[in-house]
Amino acid sequence: MPCPDPPDRRVRACFPHRPTDGRPEPLHARVIKDEVQNHDLIVTLSIGSDAGLGKDWHGYVLTGETEEPLADLFLLRIAKRVSIARVHLTVDQIHDNTRVLLTPPN
């Protein structure tokens, strides 16, 4: 598939610099919903299996607009377009830090 205009990060032709060792690139997502459950915060992420995300991936909530990890994210369920995860943060913290980095298994 050729690269559309504007470029789409899900289309390989748009980013030919991706590694060819077969290992997937880390993915970025956003928290689109949150819900308090017991002492944890359950969040819905804007990415799912359609983007290549798998249950064995690991995630981090990022601090603001930086790439610095704030808290670990534990994937619970992955659907085609969204994912559900658990994180040990408060609602206020997640509202201030909605960016997520998901990394493939080693």
N, C-alpha and C. Protein backbone atom coordinates (compact mmCIF):
# COMPACT_ATOMS: atom_id res chain seq x y z
N MET A 1 0.85 -1.17 0.00
CA MET A 1 0.00 0.00 0.00
C MET A 1 0.89 1.24 0.00
N PRO A 2 0.67 2.16 -0.90
CA PRO A 2 1.46 3.38 -0.92
C PRO A 2 1.12 4.29 0.25
N CYS A 3 2.02 5.18 0.56
CA CYS A 3 1.83 6.10 1.68
C CYS A 3 0.75 7.14 1.34
N PRO A 4 -0.31 7.25 2.17
CA PRO A 4 -1.35 8.24 1.90
C PRO A 4 -0.88 9.64 2.27
N ASP A 5 -1.64 10.62 1.86
CA ASP A 5 -1.34 12.01 2.22
C ASP A 5 -2.50 12.53 3.05
N PRO A 6 -2.33 12.85 4.32
CA PRO A 6 -1.10 12.91 5.09
C PRO A 6 -0.60 11.51 5.46
N PRO A 7 0.70 11.38 5.77
CA PRO A 7 1.26 10.08 6.12
C PRO A 7 0.57 9.47 7.33
N ASP A 8 0.44 8.15 7.31
CA ASP A 8 -0.18 7.40 8.39
C ASP A 8 0.88 6.47 8.97
N ARG A 9 1.11 6.54 10.28
CA ARG A 9 2.17 5.75 10.90
C ARG A 9 1.91 4.25 10.84
N ARG A 10 0.68 3.86 10.54
CA ARG A 10 0.36 2.44 10.43
C ARG A 10 0.73 1.87 9.07
N VAL A 11 1.09 2.72 8.11
CA VAL A 11 1.44 2.27 6.76
C VAL A 11 2.95 2.22 6.64
N ARG A 12 3.47 1.03 6.43
CA ARG A 12 4.93 0.82 6.40
C ARG A 12 5.62 1.67 5.34
N ALA A 13 4.99 1.91 4.20
CA ALA A 13 5.60 2.68 3.13
C ALA A 13 5.89 4.12 3.54
N CYS A 14 5.20 4.62 4.55
CA CYS A 14 5.42 6.00 5.01
C CYS A 14 6.70 6.13 5.83
N PHE A 15 7.16 5.02 6.38
CA PHE A 15 8.32 5.05 7.26
C PHE A 15 9.28 3.93 6.91
N PRO A 16 10.02 4.10 5.82
CA PRO A 16 10.91 3.03 5.36
C PRO A 16 12.10 2.78 6.30
N HIS A 17 12.32 3.66 7.28
CA HIS A 17 13.46 3.51 8.18
C HIS A 17 13.19 2.52 9.31
N ARG A 18 12.03 1.88 9.34
CA ARG A 18 11.75 0.91 10.39
C ARG A 18 12.75 -0.24 10.30
N PRO A 19 13.12 -0.81 11.46
CA PRO A 19 14.08 -1.91 11.43
C PRO A 19 13.51 -3.12 10.70
N THR A 20 14.38 -3.87 10.08
CA THR A 20 13.96 -5.04 9.32
C THR A 20 14.25 -6.34 10.06
N ASP A 21 14.59 -6.25 11.34
CA ASP A 21 14.90 -7.46 12.11
C ASP A 21 13.64 -8.20 12.56
N GLY A 22 12.47 -7.73 12.15
CA GLY A 22 11.23 -8.40 12.50
C GLY A 22 10.63 -7.95 13.82
N ARG A 23 11.38 -7.20 14.60
CA ARG A 23 10.87 -6.72 15.89
C ARG A 23 10.01 -5.48 15.66
N PRO A 24 8.79 -5.46 16.21
CA PRO A 24 7.93 -4.30 16.00
C PRO A 24 8.46 -3.05 16.69
N GLU A 25 8.08 -1.92 16.16
CA GLU A 25 8.42 -0.63 16.75
C GLU A 25 7.55 -0.39 17.98
N PRO A 26 8.05 0.36 18.96
CA PRO A 26 7.18 0.79 20.07
C PRO A 26 6.02 1.61 19.53
N LEU A 27 4.90 1.58 20.22
CA LEU A 27 3.72 2.30 19.81
C LEU A 27 3.33 3.37 20.83
N HIS A 28 2.81 4.48 20.36
CA HIS A 28 2.30 5.53 21.24
C HIS A 28 0.77 5.49 21.19
N ALA A 29 0.15 5.77 22.33
CA ALA A 29 -1.31 5.79 22.42
C ALA A 29 -1.70 6.88 23.41
N ARG A 30 -3.00 7.08 23.53
CA ARG A 30 -3.56 8.04 24.48
C ARG A 30 -4.58 7.33 25.36
N VAL A 31 -4.71 7.81 26.58
CA VAL A 31 -5.77 7.34 27.47
C VAL A 31 -7.04 8.08 27.05
N ILE A 32 -8.07 7.32 26.67
CA ILE A 32 -9.30 7.95 26.20
C ILE A 32 -10.45 7.81 27.20
N LYS A 33 -10.24 6.98 28.23
CA LYS A 33 -11.26 6.80 29.25
C LYS A 33 -10.60 6.25 30.50
N ASP A 34 -11.12 6.63 31.67
CA ASP A 34 -10.59 6.08 32.92
C ASP A 34 -11.74 5.77 33.87
N GLU A 35 -11.50 4.78 34.75
CA GLU A 35 -12.50 4.34 35.70
C GLU A 35 -11.80 3.80 36.94
N VAL A 36 -12.19 4.25 38.12
CA VAL A 36 -11.61 3.76 39.36
C VAL A 36 -12.25 2.42 39.70
N GLN A 37 -11.39 1.44 40.02
CA GLN A 37 -11.87 0.11 40.38
C GLN A 37 -11.01 -0.40 41.52
N ASN A 38 -11.60 -0.51 42.71
CA ASN A 38 -10.87 -0.83 43.94
C ASN A 38 -9.79 0.23 44.16
N HIS A 39 -8.53 -0.16 44.24
CA HIS A 39 -7.45 0.81 44.46
C HIS A 39 -6.69 1.10 43.17
N ASP A 40 -7.19 0.60 42.06
CA ASP A 40 -6.52 0.79 40.78
C ASP A 40 -7.34 1.69 39.87
N LEU A 41 -6.68 2.16 38.86
CA LEU A 41 -7.33 2.94 37.82
C LEU A 41 -7.32 2.09 36.55
N ILE A 42 -8.49 1.83 36.00
CA ILE A 42 -8.62 1.07 34.76
C ILE A 42 -8.78 2.09 33.64
N VAL A 43 -7.90 2.00 32.63
CA VAL A 43 -7.91 2.98 31.54
C VAL A 43 -8.14 2.29 30.21
N THR A 44 -8.76 3.02 29.31
CA THR A 44 -8.95 2.56 27.94
C THR A 44 -7.96 3.30 27.07
N LEU A 45 -7.20 2.57 26.28
CA LEU A 45 -6.18 3.16 25.40
C LEU A 45 -6.70 3.22 23.97
N SER A 46 -6.18 4.17 23.23
CA SER A 46 -6.63 4.44 21.85
C SER A 46 -5.97 3.54 20.81
N ILE A 47 -5.52 2.38 21.20
CA ILE A 47 -4.81 1.49 20.29
C ILE A 47 -5.13 0.05 20.62
N GLY A 48 -5.11 -0.80 19.61
CA GLY A 48 -5.42 -2.21 19.84
C GLY A 48 -4.65 -3.13 18.93
N SER A 49 -5.19 -4.31 18.72
CA SER A 49 -4.48 -5.33 17.94
C SER A 49 -4.34 -4.95 16.47
N ASP A 50 -5.21 -4.10 15.95
CA ASP A 50 -5.06 -3.65 14.56
C ASP A 50 -3.73 -2.94 14.32
N ALA A 51 -3.18 -2.33 15.37
CA ALA A 51 -1.90 -1.63 15.26
C ALA A 51 -0.73 -2.55 15.57
N GLY A 52 -1.00 -3.81 15.89
CA GLY A 52 0.06 -4.77 16.17
C GLY A 52 0.30 -5.01 17.65
N LEU A 53 -0.49 -4.41 18.51
CA LEU A 53 -0.33 -4.57 19.96
C LEU A 53 -0.69 -5.98 20.37
N GLY A 54 0.13 -6.56 21.25
CA GLY A 54 -0.11 -7.90 21.75
C GLY A 54 -0.14 -7.94 23.26
N LYS A 55 -0.69 -8.99 23.83
CA LYS A 55 -0.85 -9.12 25.29
C LYS A 55 0.49 -9.12 26.02
N ASP A 56 1.56 -9.54 25.35
CA ASP A 56 2.87 -9.64 26.00
C ASP A 56 3.67 -8.32 25.93
N TRP A 57 3.07 -7.27 25.40
CA TRP A 57 3.73 -5.97 25.36
C TRP A 57 3.70 -5.33 26.75
N HIS A 58 4.60 -4.36 26.97
CA HIS A 58 4.63 -3.63 28.24
C HIS A 58 4.37 -2.16 27.97
N GLY A 59 3.72 -1.49 28.91
CA GLY A 59 3.39 -0.09 28.69
C GLY A 59 3.80 0.81 29.83
N TYR A 60 3.93 2.08 29.51
CA TYR A 60 4.27 3.12 30.48
C TYR A 60 3.40 4.34 30.22
N VAL A 61 2.91 4.95 31.28
CA VAL A 61 2.29 6.26 31.16
C VAL A 61 3.44 7.25 31.14
N LEU A 62 3.44 8.15 30.17
CA LEU A 62 4.52 9.13 30.03
C LEU A 62 4.18 10.43 30.76
N THR A 63 5.21 11.10 31.25
CA THR A 63 5.04 12.36 31.96
C THR A 63 4.79 13.48 30.96
N GLY A 64 3.60 14.08 31.03
CA GLY A 64 3.26 15.21 30.17
C GLY A 64 3.52 14.92 28.70
N GLU A 65 4.23 15.83 28.04
CA GLU A 65 4.57 15.67 26.62
C GLU A 65 6.00 15.16 26.43
N THR A 66 6.60 14.61 27.50
CA THR A 66 7.96 14.08 27.42
C THR A 66 7.92 12.58 27.13
N GLU A 67 9.07 11.98 27.00
CA GLU A 67 9.20 10.54 26.83
C GLU A 67 9.61 9.87 28.14
N GLU A 68 9.54 10.60 29.25
CA GLU A 68 9.93 10.07 30.56
C GLU A 68 8.79 9.27 31.17
N PRO A 69 9.04 7.99 31.55
CA PRO A 69 7.98 7.17 32.14
C PRO A 69 7.55 7.70 33.51
N LEU A 70 6.25 7.70 33.74
CA LEU A 70 5.69 8.11 35.03
C LEU A 70 5.26 6.89 35.84
N ALA A 71 4.63 5.91 35.17
CA ALA A 71 4.14 4.72 35.86
C ALA A 71 4.02 3.56 34.87
N ASP A 72 4.17 2.34 35.40
CA ASP A 72 3.96 1.14 34.59
C ASP A 72 2.48 0.97 34.29
N LEU A 73 2.21 0.38 33.16
CA LEU A 73 0.86 0.12 32.71
C LEU A 73 0.75 -1.38 32.44
N PHE A 74 -0.29 -2.03 32.94
CA PHE A 74 -0.45 -3.47 32.80
C PHE A 74 -1.64 -3.76 31.90
N LEU A 75 -1.38 -4.33 30.73
CA LEU A 75 -2.45 -4.62 29.78
C LEU A 75 -3.34 -5.74 30.30
N LEU A 76 -4.64 -5.53 30.25
CA LEU A 76 -5.61 -6.52 30.71
C LEU A 76 -6.34 -7.18 29.55
N ARG A 77 -6.73 -6.36 28.56
CA ARG A 77 -7.50 -6.87 27.43
C ARG A 77 -7.19 -6.02 26.20
N ILE A 78 -7.09 -6.70 25.07
CA ILE A 78 -6.79 -6.00 23.82
C ILE A 78 -7.87 -6.33 22.81
N ALA A 79 -8.54 -5.30 22.34
CA ALA A 79 -9.54 -5.44 21.28
C ALA A 79 -8.89 -4.96 19.98
N LYS A 80 -9.66 -4.92 18.91
CA LYS A 80 -9.10 -4.51 17.61
C LYS A 80 -8.60 -3.07 17.62
N ARG A 81 -9.39 -2.17 18.21
CA ARG A 81 -9.03 -0.74 18.11
C ARG A 81 -8.74 -0.07 19.45
N VAL A 82 -9.06 -0.72 20.56
CA VAL A 82 -8.78 -0.16 21.88
C VAL A 82 -8.22 -1.26 22.77
N SER A 83 -7.63 -0.84 23.89
CA SER A 83 -7.11 -1.78 24.87
C SER A 83 -7.49 -1.30 26.26
N ILE A 84 -7.56 -2.24 27.19
CA ILE A 84 -7.87 -1.93 28.57
C ILE A 84 -6.63 -2.26 29.39
N ALA A 85 -6.27 -1.35 30.30
CA ALA A 85 -5.07 -1.54 31.11
C ALA A 85 -5.32 -1.06 32.54
N ARG A 86 -4.45 -1.50 33.44
CA ARG A 86 -4.50 -1.09 34.84
C ARG A 86 -3.25 -0.29 35.15
N VAL A 87 -3.42 0.77 35.93
CA VAL A 87 -2.29 1.61 36.29
C VAL A 87 -2.47 2.10 37.73
N HIS A 88 -1.36 2.26 38.45
CA HIS A 88 -1.41 2.74 39.83
C HIS A 88 -1.17 4.25 39.85
N LEU A 89 -2.17 4.99 39.40
CA LEU A 89 -2.13 6.46 39.43
C LEU A 89 -3.49 6.96 39.90
N THR A 90 -3.55 8.23 40.25
CA THR A 90 -4.84 8.82 40.60
C THR A 90 -5.51 9.34 39.33
N VAL A 91 -6.78 9.64 39.44
CA VAL A 91 -7.52 10.18 38.30
C VAL A 91 -6.90 11.50 37.86
N ASP A 92 -6.52 12.36 38.81
CA ASP A 92 -5.90 13.64 38.47
C ASP A 92 -4.57 13.44 37.73
N GLN A 93 -3.77 12.46 38.16
CA GLN A 93 -2.50 12.20 37.49
C GLN A 93 -2.71 11.74 36.05
N ILE A 94 -3.70 10.87 35.84
CA ILE A 94 -3.91 10.36 34.48
C ILE A 94 -4.51 11.45 33.58
N HIS A 95 -5.29 12.36 34.15
CA HIS A 95 -5.84 13.46 33.34
C HIS A 95 -4.74 14.42 32.89
N ASP A 96 -3.68 14.54 33.69
CA ASP A 96 -2.55 15.41 33.35
C ASP A 96 -1.53 14.71 32.45
N ASN A 97 -1.57 13.39 32.40
CA ASN A 97 -0.57 12.60 31.67
C ASN A 97 -1.28 11.51 30.88
N THR A 98 -1.77 11.85 29.71
CA THR A 98 -2.59 10.90 28.94
C THR A 98 -1.80 10.12 27.88
N ARG A 99 -0.53 10.44 27.69
CA ARG A 99 0.27 9.75 26.67
C ARG A 99 0.82 8.44 27.21
N VAL A 100 0.85 7.42 26.36
CA VAL A 100 1.31 6.08 26.75
C VAL A 100 2.30 5.58 25.72
N LEU A 101 3.35 4.91 26.18
CA LEU A 101 4.31 4.24 25.31
C LEU A 101 4.17 2.75 25.54
N LEU A 102 3.99 2.00 24.46
CA LEU A 102 3.88 0.54 24.53
C LEU A 102 5.06 -0.07 23.80
N THR A 103 5.77 -0.97 24.49
CA THR A 103 6.98 -1.56 23.91
C THR A 103 6.78 -3.05 23.69
N PRO A 104 7.33 -3.57 22.58
CA PRO A 104 7.17 -4.99 22.27
C PRO A 104 8.02 -5.86 23.21
N PRO A 105 7.71 -7.14 23.30
CA PRO A 105 8.51 -8.03 24.14
C PRO A 105 9.93 -8.16 23.58
N ASN A 106 10.85 -8.49 24.45
CA ASN A 106 12.26 -8.63 24.03
C ASN A 106 12.51 -9.85 23.20
